[in-house]
Protein backbone atom coordinates (compact mmCIF):
# COMPACT_ATOMS: atom_id res chain seq x y z
CA UNK A 1 0.00 0.00 0.00
CA UNK A 2 1.40 3.35 -1.00
CA UNK A 3 1.86 5.91 1.78
CA UNK A 4 -0.68 8.71 1.71
CA UNK A 5 0.12 11.99 3.43
CA UNK A 6 -3.04 13.72 4.56
CA UNK A 7 -3.13 17.28 5.93
CA UNK A 8 -4.69 17.26 9.38
CA UNK A 9 -7.37 19.94 9.47
CA UNK A 10 -9.66 18.28 11.98
CA UNK A 11 -9.02 15.37 14.31
CA UNK A 12 -12.55 14.08 13.92
CA UNK A 13 -12.55 14.28 10.12
CA UNK A 14 -9.22 12.45 9.95
CA UNK A 15 -10.53 9.79 12.33
CA UNK A 16 -13.58 9.24 10.15
CA UNK A 17 -11.54 9.13 6.94
CA UNK A 18 -8.82 6.74 8.09
CA UNK A 19 -11.16 4.45 10.01
CA UNK A 20 -13.22 4.07 6.83
CA UNK A 21 -10.07 3.23 4.85
CA UNK A 22 -9.11 0.57 7.39
CA UNK A 23 -12.52 -1.06 7.47
CA UNK A 24 -12.70 -1.20 3.66
CA UNK A 25 -9.49 -3.17 3.20
CA UNK A 26 -9.87 -6.57 1.57
CA UNK A 27 -8.92 -9.65 3.66
CA UNK A 28 -5.91 -10.34 1.43
CA UNK A 29 -4.64 -6.78 1.94
CA UNK A 30 -5.02 -7.18 5.70
CA UNK A 31 -3.08 -10.44 5.78
CA UNK A 32 -0.28 -9.09 3.60
CA UNK A 33 0.03 -5.93 5.70
CA UNK A 34 0.12 -7.94 8.94
CA UNK A 35 2.91 -10.12 7.56
CA UNK A 36 4.90 -7.08 6.43
CA UNK A 37 4.43 -5.37 9.81
CA UNK A 38 5.82 -8.45 11.53
CA UNK A 39 8.90 -8.35 9.28
CA UNK A 40 9.42 -4.62 9.89
CA UNK A 41 9.14 -4.80 13.69
CA UNK A 42 11.32 -7.91 13.89
CA UNK A 43 14.19 -5.81 12.48
CA UNK A 44 13.75 -3.04 15.06
CA UNK A 45 16.54 -2.86 17.69
CA UNK A 46 14.01 -1.96 20.40
CA UNK A 47 12.05 -5.14 19.65
CA UNK A 48 15.16 -7.31 19.59
CA UNK A 49 16.17 -6.04 23.06
CA UNK A 50 12.73 -6.23 24.64
CA UNK A 51 11.73 -9.11 26.90
CA UNK A 52 8.37 -7.79 28.18
CA UNK A 53 6.22 -6.51 25.32
CA UNK A 54 2.66 -5.22 25.33
CA UNK A 55 0.65 -5.48 22.13
CA UNK A 56 -3.08 -5.12 21.45
CA UNK A 57 -6.07 -7.03 20.14
CA UNK A 58 -7.04 -5.46 16.78
CA UNK A 59 -10.42 -3.74 16.54
CA UNK A 60 -12.15 -1.45 14.05
CA UNK A 61 -9.93 -2.58 11.17
CA UNK A 62 -6.60 -2.03 12.98
CA UNK A 63 -3.57 -3.78 11.52
CA UNK A 64 -3.30 -7.25 13.03
CA UNK A 65 -0.21 -8.03 15.15
CA UNK A 66 -0.95 -11.79 15.14
CA UNK A 67 2.15 -12.76 13.10
CA UNK A 68 4.31 -10.74 15.51
CA UNK A 69 2.60 -12.42 18.47
CA UNK A 70 3.49 -15.86 17.11
CA UNK A 71 7.07 -14.79 16.42
CA UNK A 72 7.44 -13.35 19.92
CA UNK A 73 6.13 -16.48 21.63
CA UNK A 74 8.52 -18.60 19.59
CA UNK A 75 11.39 -16.34 20.68
CA UNK A 76 10.47 -16.72 24.35
CA UNK A 77 9.41 -13.11 24.83
CA UNK A 78 6.78 -12.31 27.46
CA UNK A 79 3.67 -10.74 25.96
CA UNK A 80 0.94 -8.64 27.56
CA UNK A 81 -2.41 -7.21 26.48
CA UNK A 82 -4.02 -4.04 27.82
CA UNK A 83 -6.91 -4.45 30.22
CA UNK A 84 -9.42 -1.95 31.56
CA UNK A 85 -9.42 -1.76 35.34
CA UNK A 86 -11.78 -0.20 37.86
CA UNK A 87 -8.94 0.61 40.26
CA UNK A 88 -7.53 3.38 38.04
CA UNK A 89 -10.42 4.50 35.90
CA UNK A 90 -9.43 5.58 32.42
CA UNK A 91 -6.00 3.97 32.64
CA UNK A 92 -4.73 0.66 31.34
CA UNK A 93 -2.89 -2.15 33.03
CA UNK A 94 -1.23 -5.01 31.17
CA UNK A 95 -1.99 -8.70 31.71
CA UNK A 96 0.14 -11.68 30.66
CA UNK A 97 -0.85 -13.12 27.29
CA UNK A 98 0.06 -16.67 26.29
CA UNK A 99 -1.47 -19.43 24.20
CA UNK A 100 -3.14 -20.80 27.35
CA UNK A 101 -4.70 -17.55 28.56
CA UNK A 102 -8.48 -17.29 28.44
CA UNK A 103 -9.80 -14.08 26.87
CA UNK A 104 -13.01 -12.27 27.77
CA UNK A 105 -14.63 -9.27 26.11
CA UNK A 106 -14.36 -5.94 27.92
CA UNK A 107 -17.14 -3.34 27.89
CA UNK A 108 -16.12 -2.25 24.38
CA UNK A 109 -16.31 -5.81 23.09
CA UNK A 110 -12.51 -6.13 22.78
CA UNK A 111 -10.96 -9.39 24.06
CA UNK A 112 -8.58 -9.09 27.00
CA UNK A 113 -7.09 -11.65 29.40
CA UNK A 114 -9.47 -12.89 32.09
CA UNK A 115 -8.86 -11.44 35.58
CA UNK A 116 -7.18 -14.65 36.73
CA UNK A 117 -4.60 -14.57 33.91
CA UNK A 118 -1.81 -13.27 36.16
CA UNK A 119 -0.31 -10.21 37.78
CA UNK A 120 -1.12 -6.93 36.08
CA UNK A 121 1.81 -4.71 35.14
CA UNK A 122 1.99 -0.94 34.94
CA UNK A 123 3.30 0.57 31.73
CA UNK A 124 6.57 1.50 33.45
CA UNK A 125 7.32 -2.21 33.98
CA UNK A 126 7.31 -3.01 30.27
CA UNK A 127 10.26 -2.90 27.88
CA UNK A 128 8.25 -2.16 24.74
CA UNK A 129 4.70 -0.91 24.33
CA UNK A 130 3.26 -1.41 20.84
CA UNK A 131 0.19 0.77 20.41
CA UNK A 132 -2.54 0.94 17.78
CA UNK A 133 -3.60 4.34 16.48
CA UNK A 134 -5.73 6.11 13.92
CA UNK A 135 -3.02 8.41 12.58
CA UNK A 136 0.60 9.33 13.25
CA UNK A 137 3.13 11.80 11.92
CA UNK A 138 6.90 11.50 11.57
CA UNK A 139 7.49 13.66 14.62
CA UNK A 140 6.03 10.89 16.76
CA UNK A 141 2.64 12.46 17.35
CA UNK A 142 -0.22 9.97 17.63
CA UNK A 143 -3.95 10.34 17.09
CA UNK A 144 -5.97 7.63 18.81
CA UNK A 145 -9.63 6.74 18.89
CA UNK A 146 -10.37 9.63 21.22
CA UNK A 147 -10.77 7.80 24.53
CA UNK A 148 -7.41 8.95 25.88
CA UNK A 149 -6.59 5.62 27.54
CA UNK A 150 -2.98 5.43 26.40
CA UNK A 151 -2.35 9.12 27.12
CA UNK A 152 -3.62 8.78 30.70
CA UNK A 153 -1.74 5.52 31.17
CA UNK A 154 1.55 7.07 30.06
CA UNK A 155 1.19 10.56 31.49
CA UNK A 156 3.63 9.95 34.37
CA UNK A 157 6.37 8.28 32.32
CA UNK A 158 6.29 10.12 29.00
CA UNK A 159 9.59 11.68 28.04
CA UNK A 160 11.65 9.79 30.60
CA UNK A 161 14.88 8.03 29.71
CA UNK A 162 13.69 4.94 31.58
CA UNK A 163 10.48 3.04 31.02
CA UNK A 164 9.03 1.35 27.95
CA UNK A 165 9.94 2.21 24.40
CA UNK A 166 6.75 3.47 22.74
CA UNK A 167 5.97 2.22 19.25
CA UNK A 168 2.96 3.26 17.22
CA UNK A 169 1.82 0.89 14.48
CA UNK A 170 -0.58 1.11 11.58
CA UNK A 171 -1.02 0.84 7.84
CA UNK A 172 1.14 3.10 5.71
CA UNK A 173 -1.84 5.31 4.84
CA UNK A 174 -2.20 6.16 8.53
CA UNK A 175 0.94 8.32 8.36
CA UNK A 176 -0.25 11.91 7.95
CA UNK A 177 1.54 15.16 7.21
CA UNK A 178 1.08 16.70 10.63
CA UNK A 179 -0.81 16.25 13.87
CA UNK A 180 -1.14 19.28 16.12
CA UNK A 181 0.05 18.22 19.56
CA UNK A 182 -2.20 18.70 22.55
CA UNK A 183 -0.82 19.10 26.12
CA UNK A 184 -1.87 15.56 27.03
CA UNK A 185 -0.45 13.87 23.91
CA UNK A 186 2.38 11.35 24.39
CA UNK A 187 5.16 11.28 21.78
CA UNK A 188 6.15 7.96 20.24
CA UNK A 189 9.73 6.68 19.97
CA UNK A 190 9.19 4.53 16.87
CA UNK A 191 6.67 4.32 14.04
CA UNK A 192 6.09 1.01 12.26
CA UNK A 193 3.88 0.36 9.25
CA UNK A 194 3.58 -2.36 6.63
CA UNK A 195 6.00 -0.31 4.52
CA UNK A 196 8.77 0.40 6.98
CA UNK A 197 10.17 1.67 10.25
CA UNK A 198 10.83 5.24 11.35
CA UNK A 199 12.74 6.25 14.48
CA UNK A 200 11.72 9.41 16.32
CA UNK A 201 13.88 9.14 19.44
CA UNK A 202 17.29 7.83 18.37
CA UNK A 203 18.26 7.06 21.98
CA UNK A 204 15.31 4.64 22.39
C-alpha atoms as a PDB file:
ATOM      1  CA  UNK A   1       0.000   0.000   0.000  1.00  0.00           C
ATOM      2  CA  UNK A   2       1.403   3.353  -0.996  1.00  0.00           C
ATOM      3  CA  UNK A   3       1.862   5.913   1.782  1.00  0.00           C
ATOM      4  CA  UNK A   4      -0.684   8.708   1.712  1.00  0.00           C
ATOM      5  CA  UNK A   5       0.117  11.988   3.428  1.00  0.00           C
ATOM      6  CA  UNK A   6      -3.043  13.716   4.558  1.00  0.00           C
ATOM      7  CA  UNK A   7      -3.134  17.279   5.929  1.00  0.00           C
ATOM      8  CA  UNK A   8      -4.692  17.262   9.380  1.00  0.00           C
ATOM      9  CA  UNK A   9      -7.371  19.937   9.469  1.00  0.00           C
ATOM     10  CA  UNK A  10      -9.661  18.280  11.975  1.00  0.00           C
ATOM     11  CA  UNK A  11      -9.022  15.373  14.313  1.00  0.00           C
ATOM     12  CA  UNK A  12     -12.550  14.081  13.916  1.00  0.00           C
ATOM     13  CA  UNK A  13     -12.551  14.276  10.120  1.00  0.00           C
ATOM     14  CA  UNK A  14      -9.217  12.446   9.945  1.00  0.00           C
ATOM     15  CA  UNK A  15     -10.530   9.787  12.334  1.00  0.00           C
ATOM     16  CA  UNK A  16     -13.585   9.236  10.145  1.00  0.00           C
ATOM     17  CA  UNK A  17     -11.543   9.129   6.937  1.00  0.00           C
ATOM     18  CA  UNK A  18      -8.821   6.737   8.088  1.00  0.00           C
ATOM     19  CA  UNK A  19     -11.160   4.445  10.014  1.00  0.00           C
ATOM     20  CA  UNK A  20     -13.215   4.070   6.830  1.00  0.00           C
ATOM     21  CA  UNK A  21     -10.068   3.233   4.846  1.00  0.00           C
ATOM     22  CA  UNK A  22      -9.113   0.572   7.392  1.00  0.00           C
ATOM     23  CA  UNK A  23     -12.518  -1.059   7.466  1.00  0.00           C
ATOM     24  CA  UNK A  24     -12.700  -1.199   3.661  1.00  0.00           C
ATOM     25  CA  UNK A  25      -9.486  -3.171   3.195  1.00  0.00           C
ATOM     26  CA  UNK A  26      -9.871  -6.573   1.575  1.00  0.00           C
ATOM     27  CA  UNK A  27      -8.916  -9.647   3.661  1.00  0.00           C
ATOM     28  CA  UNK A  28      -5.908 -10.340   1.426  1.00  0.00           C
ATOM     29  CA  UNK A  29      -4.642  -6.780   1.941  1.00  0.00           C
ATOM     30  CA  UNK A  30      -5.023  -7.182   5.704  1.00  0.00           C
ATOM     31  CA  UNK A  31      -3.085 -10.445   5.778  1.00  0.00           C
ATOM     32  CA  UNK A  32      -0.283  -9.086   3.599  1.00  0.00           C
ATOM     33  CA  UNK A  33       0.033  -5.931   5.696  1.00  0.00           C
ATOM     34  CA  UNK A  34       0.118  -7.941   8.936  1.00  0.00           C
ATOM     35  CA  UNK A  35       2.911 -10.115   7.557  1.00  0.00           C
ATOM     36  CA  UNK A  36       4.898  -7.078   6.433  1.00  0.00           C
ATOM     37  CA  UNK A  37       4.428  -5.365   9.806  1.00  0.00           C
ATOM     38  CA  UNK A  38       5.824  -8.453  11.528  1.00  0.00           C
ATOM     39  CA  UNK A  39       8.903  -8.349   9.281  1.00  0.00           C
ATOM     40  CA  UNK A  40       9.420  -4.625   9.892  1.00  0.00           C
ATOM     41  CA  UNK A  41       9.136  -4.795  13.685  1.00  0.00           C
ATOM     42  CA  UNK A  42      11.324  -7.907  13.886  1.00  0.00           C
ATOM     43  CA  UNK A  43      14.194  -5.813  12.482  1.00  0.00           C
ATOM     44  CA  UNK A  44      13.752  -3.039  15.059  1.00  0.00           C
ATOM     45  CA  UNK A  45      16.537  -2.857  17.693  1.00  0.00           C
ATOM     46  CA  UNK A  46      14.013  -1.960  20.402  1.00  0.00           C
ATOM     47  CA  UNK A  47      12.048  -5.139  19.645  1.00  0.00           C
ATOM     48  CA  UNK A  48      15.159  -7.309  19.593  1.00  0.00           C
ATOM     49  CA  UNK A  49      16.169  -6.043  23.056  1.00  0.00           C
ATOM     50  CA  UNK A  50      12.726  -6.229  24.641  1.00  0.00           C
ATOM     51  CA  UNK A  51      11.726  -9.109  26.899  1.00  0.00           C
ATOM     52  CA  UNK A  52       8.366  -7.786  28.176  1.00  0.00           C
ATOM     53  CA  UNK A  53       6.223  -6.508  25.317  1.00  0.00           C
ATOM     54  CA  UNK A  54       2.658  -5.217  25.328  1.00  0.00           C
ATOM     55  CA  UNK A  55       0.653  -5.480  22.132  1.00  0.00           C
ATOM     56  CA  UNK A  56      -3.078  -5.123  21.452  1.00  0.00           C
ATOM     57  CA  UNK A  57      -6.066  -7.027  20.142  1.00  0.00           C
ATOM     58  CA  UNK A  58      -7.043  -5.458  16.780  1.00  0.00           C
ATOM     59  CA  UNK A  59     -10.425  -3.741  16.542  1.00  0.00           C
ATOM     60  CA  UNK A  60     -12.146  -1.451  14.053  1.00  0.00           C
ATOM     61  CA  UNK A  61      -9.926  -2.575  11.168  1.00  0.00           C
ATOM     62  CA  UNK A  62      -6.601  -2.034  12.980  1.00  0.00           C
ATOM     63  CA  UNK A  63      -3.567  -3.780  11.524  1.00  0.00           C
ATOM     64  CA  UNK A  64      -3.302  -7.253  13.027  1.00  0.00           C
ATOM     65  CA  UNK A  65      -0.213  -8.035  15.150  1.00  0.00           C
ATOM     66  CA  UNK A  66      -0.955 -11.789  15.142  1.00  0.00           C
ATOM     67  CA  UNK A  67       2.155 -12.760  13.103  1.00  0.00           C
ATOM     68  CA  UNK A  68       4.312 -10.743  15.509  1.00  0.00           C
ATOM     69  CA  UNK A  69       2.605 -12.419  18.473  1.00  0.00           C
ATOM     70  CA  UNK A  70       3.489 -15.863  17.106  1.00  0.00           C
ATOM     71  CA  UNK A  71       7.072 -14.789  16.422  1.00  0.00           C
ATOM     72  CA  UNK A  72       7.439 -13.352  19.918  1.00  0.00           C
ATOM     73  CA  UNK A  73       6.127 -16.484  21.633  1.00  0.00           C
ATOM     74  CA  UNK A  74       8.520 -18.600  19.586  1.00  0.00           C
ATOM     75  CA  UNK A  75      11.393 -16.340  20.675  1.00  0.00           C
ATOM     76  CA  UNK A  76      10.468 -16.722  24.347  1.00  0.00           C
ATOM     77  CA  UNK A  77       9.413 -13.109  24.828  1.00  0.00           C
ATOM     78  CA  UNK A  78       6.776 -12.307  27.464  1.00  0.00           C
ATOM     79  CA  UNK A  79       3.669 -10.741  25.956  1.00  0.00           C
ATOM     80  CA  UNK A  80       0.942  -8.641  27.560  1.00  0.00           C
ATOM     81  CA  UNK A  81      -2.408  -7.215  26.481  1.00  0.00           C
ATOM     82  CA  UNK A  82      -4.018  -4.037  27.818  1.00  0.00           C
ATOM     83  CA  UNK A  83      -6.911  -4.451  30.222  1.00  0.00           C
ATOM     84  CA  UNK A  84      -9.421  -1.949  31.564  1.00  0.00           C
ATOM     85  CA  UNK A  85      -9.419  -1.763  35.342  1.00  0.00           C
ATOM     86  CA  UNK A  86     -11.776  -0.201  37.856  1.00  0.00           C
ATOM     87  CA  UNK A  87      -8.941   0.609  40.258  1.00  0.00           C
ATOM     88  CA  UNK A  88      -7.530   3.376  38.042  1.00  0.00           C
ATOM     89  CA  UNK A  89     -10.424   4.505  35.901  1.00  0.00           C
ATOM     90  CA  UNK A  90      -9.433   5.584  32.419  1.00  0.00           C
ATOM     91  CA  UNK A  91      -5.998   3.973  32.644  1.00  0.00           C
ATOM     92  CA  UNK A  92      -4.731   0.664  31.340  1.00  0.00           C
ATOM     93  CA  UNK A  93      -2.889  -2.147  33.028  1.00  0.00           C
ATOM     94  CA  UNK A  94      -1.230  -5.012  31.166  1.00  0.00           C
ATOM     95  CA  UNK A  95      -1.988  -8.703  31.711  1.00  0.00           C
ATOM     96  CA  UNK A  96       0.143 -11.684  30.663  1.00  0.00           C
ATOM     97  CA  UNK A  97      -0.855 -13.118  27.289  1.00  0.00           C
ATOM     98  CA  UNK A  98       0.063 -16.667  26.294  1.00  0.00           C
ATOM     99  CA  UNK A  99      -1.470 -19.432  24.205  1.00  0.00           C
ATOM    100  CA  UNK A 100      -3.136 -20.801  27.352  1.00  0.00           C
ATOM    101  CA  UNK A 101      -4.699 -17.548  28.563  1.00  0.00           C
ATOM    102  CA  UNK A 102      -8.484 -17.286  28.435  1.00  0.00           C
ATOM    103  CA  UNK A 103      -9.795 -14.082  26.874  1.00  0.00           C
ATOM    104  CA  UNK A 104     -13.011 -12.266  27.771  1.00  0.00           C
ATOM    105  CA  UNK A 105     -14.625  -9.265  26.113  1.00  0.00           C
ATOM    106  CA  UNK A 106     -14.358  -5.936  27.915  1.00  0.00           C
ATOM    107  CA  UNK A 107     -17.135  -3.337  27.893  1.00  0.00           C
ATOM    108  CA  UNK A 108     -16.116  -2.246  24.379  1.00  0.00           C
ATOM    109  CA  UNK A 109     -16.307  -5.813  23.088  1.00  0.00           C
ATOM    110  CA  UNK A 110     -12.514  -6.127  22.781  1.00  0.00           C
ATOM    111  CA  UNK A 111     -10.959  -9.386  24.061  1.00  0.00           C
ATOM    112  CA  UNK A 112      -8.582  -9.087  26.998  1.00  0.00           C
ATOM    113  CA  UNK A 113      -7.088 -11.650  29.401  1.00  0.00           C
ATOM    114  CA  UNK A 114      -9.471 -12.887  32.090  1.00  0.00           C
ATOM    115  CA  UNK A 115      -8.863 -11.443  35.577  1.00  0.00           C
ATOM    116  CA  UNK A 116      -7.176 -14.650  36.732  1.00  0.00           C
ATOM    117  CA  UNK A 117      -4.604 -14.569  33.911  1.00  0.00           C
ATOM    118  CA  UNK A 118      -1.812 -13.265  36.157  1.00  0.00           C
ATOM    119  CA  UNK A 119      -0.307 -10.214  37.782  1.00  0.00           C
ATOM    120  CA  UNK A 120      -1.119  -6.927  36.080  1.00  0.00           C
ATOM    121  CA  UNK A 121       1.812  -4.709  35.136  1.00  0.00           C
ATOM    122  CA  UNK A 122       1.991  -0.936  34.938  1.00  0.00           C
ATOM    123  CA  UNK A 123       3.304   0.571  31.727  1.00  0.00           C
ATOM    124  CA  UNK A 124       6.567   1.500  33.454  1.00  0.00           C
ATOM    125  CA  UNK A 125       7.321  -2.206  33.985  1.00  0.00           C
ATOM    126  CA  UNK A 126       7.312  -3.005  30.271  1.00  0.00           C
ATOM    127  CA  UNK A 127      10.260  -2.904  27.878  1.00  0.00           C
ATOM    128  CA  UNK A 128       8.254  -2.156  24.743  1.00  0.00           C
ATOM    129  CA  UNK A 129       4.701  -0.908  24.331  1.00  0.00           C
ATOM    130  CA  UNK A 130       3.259  -1.410  20.838  1.00  0.00           C
ATOM    131  CA  UNK A 131       0.188   0.774  20.412  1.00  0.00           C
ATOM    132  CA  UNK A 132      -2.540   0.940  17.778  1.00  0.00           C
ATOM    133  CA  UNK A 133      -3.597   4.336  16.480  1.00  0.00           C
ATOM    134  CA  UNK A 134      -5.730   6.106  13.920  1.00  0.00           C
ATOM    135  CA  UNK A 135      -3.016   8.410  12.582  1.00  0.00           C
ATOM    136  CA  UNK A 136       0.601   9.334  13.249  1.00  0.00           C
ATOM    137  CA  UNK A 137       3.129  11.798  11.915  1.00  0.00           C
ATOM    138  CA  UNK A 138       6.902  11.495  11.566  1.00  0.00           C
ATOM    139  CA  UNK A 139       7.495  13.665  14.624  1.00  0.00           C
ATOM    140  CA  UNK A 140       6.028  10.894  16.763  1.00  0.00           C
ATOM    141  CA  UNK A 141       2.641  12.461  17.350  1.00  0.00           C
ATOM    142  CA  UNK A 142      -0.221   9.967  17.631  1.00  0.00           C
ATOM    143  CA  UNK A 143      -3.946  10.336  17.088  1.00  0.00           C
ATOM    144  CA  UNK A 144      -5.968   7.630  18.812  1.00  0.00           C
ATOM    145  CA  UNK A 145      -9.631   6.742  18.889  1.00  0.00           C
ATOM    146  CA  UNK A 146     -10.372   9.631  21.219  1.00  0.00           C
ATOM    147  CA  UNK A 147     -10.774   7.797  24.528  1.00  0.00           C
ATOM    148  CA  UNK A 148      -7.412   8.949  25.878  1.00  0.00           C
ATOM    149  CA  UNK A 149      -6.594   5.616  27.537  1.00  0.00           C
ATOM    150  CA  UNK A 150      -2.982   5.435  26.404  1.00  0.00           C
ATOM    151  CA  UNK A 151      -2.351   9.116  27.121  1.00  0.00           C
ATOM    152  CA  UNK A 152      -3.620   8.779  30.696  1.00  0.00           C
ATOM    153  CA  UNK A 153      -1.744   5.524  31.173  1.00  0.00           C
ATOM    154  CA  UNK A 154       1.551   7.070  30.063  1.00  0.00           C
ATOM    155  CA  UNK A 155       1.192  10.563  31.493  1.00  0.00           C
ATOM    156  CA  UNK A 156       3.633   9.950  34.370  1.00  0.00           C
ATOM    157  CA  UNK A 157       6.369   8.279  32.323  1.00  0.00           C
ATOM    158  CA  UNK A 158       6.288  10.123  29.002  1.00  0.00           C
ATOM    159  CA  UNK A 159       9.588  11.682  28.039  1.00  0.00           C
ATOM    160  CA  UNK A 160      11.650   9.790  30.603  1.00  0.00           C
ATOM    161  CA  UNK A 161      14.878   8.027  29.711  1.00  0.00           C
ATOM    162  CA  UNK A 162      13.694   4.939  31.584  1.00  0.00           C
ATOM    163  CA  UNK A 163      10.484   3.044  31.017  1.00  0.00           C
ATOM    164  CA  UNK A 164       9.034   1.355  27.954  1.00  0.00           C
ATOM    165  CA  UNK A 165       9.944   2.211  24.402  1.00  0.00           C
ATOM    166  CA  UNK A 166       6.750   3.473  22.741  1.00  0.00           C
ATOM    167  CA  UNK A 167       5.975   2.219  19.247  1.00  0.00           C
ATOM    168  CA  UNK A 168       2.959   3.256  17.219  1.00  0.00           C
ATOM    169  CA  UNK A 169       1.821   0.886  14.481  1.00  0.00           C
ATOM    170  CA  UNK A 170      -0.583   1.112  11.583  1.00  0.00           C
ATOM    171  CA  UNK A 171      -1.018   0.836   7.845  1.00  0.00           C
ATOM    172  CA  UNK A 172       1.142   3.103   5.713  1.00  0.00           C
ATOM    173  CA  UNK A 173      -1.838   5.309   4.839  1.00  0.00           C
ATOM    174  CA  UNK A 174      -2.196   6.164   8.535  1.00  0.00           C
ATOM    175  CA  UNK A 175       0.943   8.320   8.363  1.00  0.00           C
ATOM    176  CA  UNK A 176      -0.255  11.906   7.949  1.00  0.00           C
ATOM    177  CA  UNK A 177       1.537  15.156   7.214  1.00  0.00           C
ATOM    178  CA  UNK A 178       1.079  16.704  10.628  1.00  0.00           C
ATOM    179  CA  UNK A 179      -0.812  16.252  13.873  1.00  0.00           C
ATOM    180  CA  UNK A 180      -1.145  19.281  16.119  1.00  0.00           C
ATOM    181  CA  UNK A 181       0.046  18.223  19.561  1.00  0.00           C
ATOM    182  CA  UNK A 182      -2.201  18.702  22.552  1.00  0.00           C
ATOM    183  CA  UNK A 183      -0.823  19.102  26.122  1.00  0.00           C
ATOM    184  CA  UNK A 184      -1.870  15.555  27.033  1.00  0.00           C
ATOM    185  CA  UNK A 185      -0.452  13.870  23.908  1.00  0.00           C
ATOM    186  CA  UNK A 186       2.378  11.355  24.386  1.00  0.00           C
ATOM    187  CA  UNK A 187       5.158  11.278  21.776  1.00  0.00           C
ATOM    188  CA  UNK A 188       6.150   7.964  20.244  1.00  0.00           C
ATOM    189  CA  UNK A 189       9.726   6.680  19.971  1.00  0.00           C
ATOM    190  CA  UNK A 190       9.187   4.531  16.871  1.00  0.00           C
ATOM    191  CA  UNK A 191       6.668   4.316  14.037  1.00  0.00           C
ATOM    192  CA  UNK A 192       6.092   1.008  12.258  1.00  0.00           C
ATOM    193  CA  UNK A 193       3.881   0.359   9.246  1.00  0.00           C
ATOM    194  CA  UNK A 194       3.584  -2.359   6.629  1.00  0.00           C
ATOM    195  CA  UNK A 195       5.998  -0.308   4.519  1.00  0.00           C
ATOM    196  CA  UNK A 196       8.770   0.395   6.978  1.00  0.00           C
ATOM    197  CA  UNK A 197      10.173   1.667  10.251  1.00  0.00           C
ATOM    198  CA  UNK A 198      10.834   5.236  11.348  1.00  0.00           C
ATOM    199  CA  UNK A 199      12.737   6.245  14.479  1.00  0.00           C
ATOM    200  CA  UNK A 200      11.719   9.414  16.322  1.00  0.00           C
ATOM    201  CA  UNK A 201      13.878   9.137  19.436  1.00  0.00           C
ATOM    202  CA  UNK A 202      17.285   7.830  18.367  1.00  0.00           C
ATOM    203  CA  UNK A 203      18.256   7.063  21.979  1.00  0.00           C
ATOM    204  CA  UNK A 204      15.313   4.641  22.390  1.00  0.00           C
END
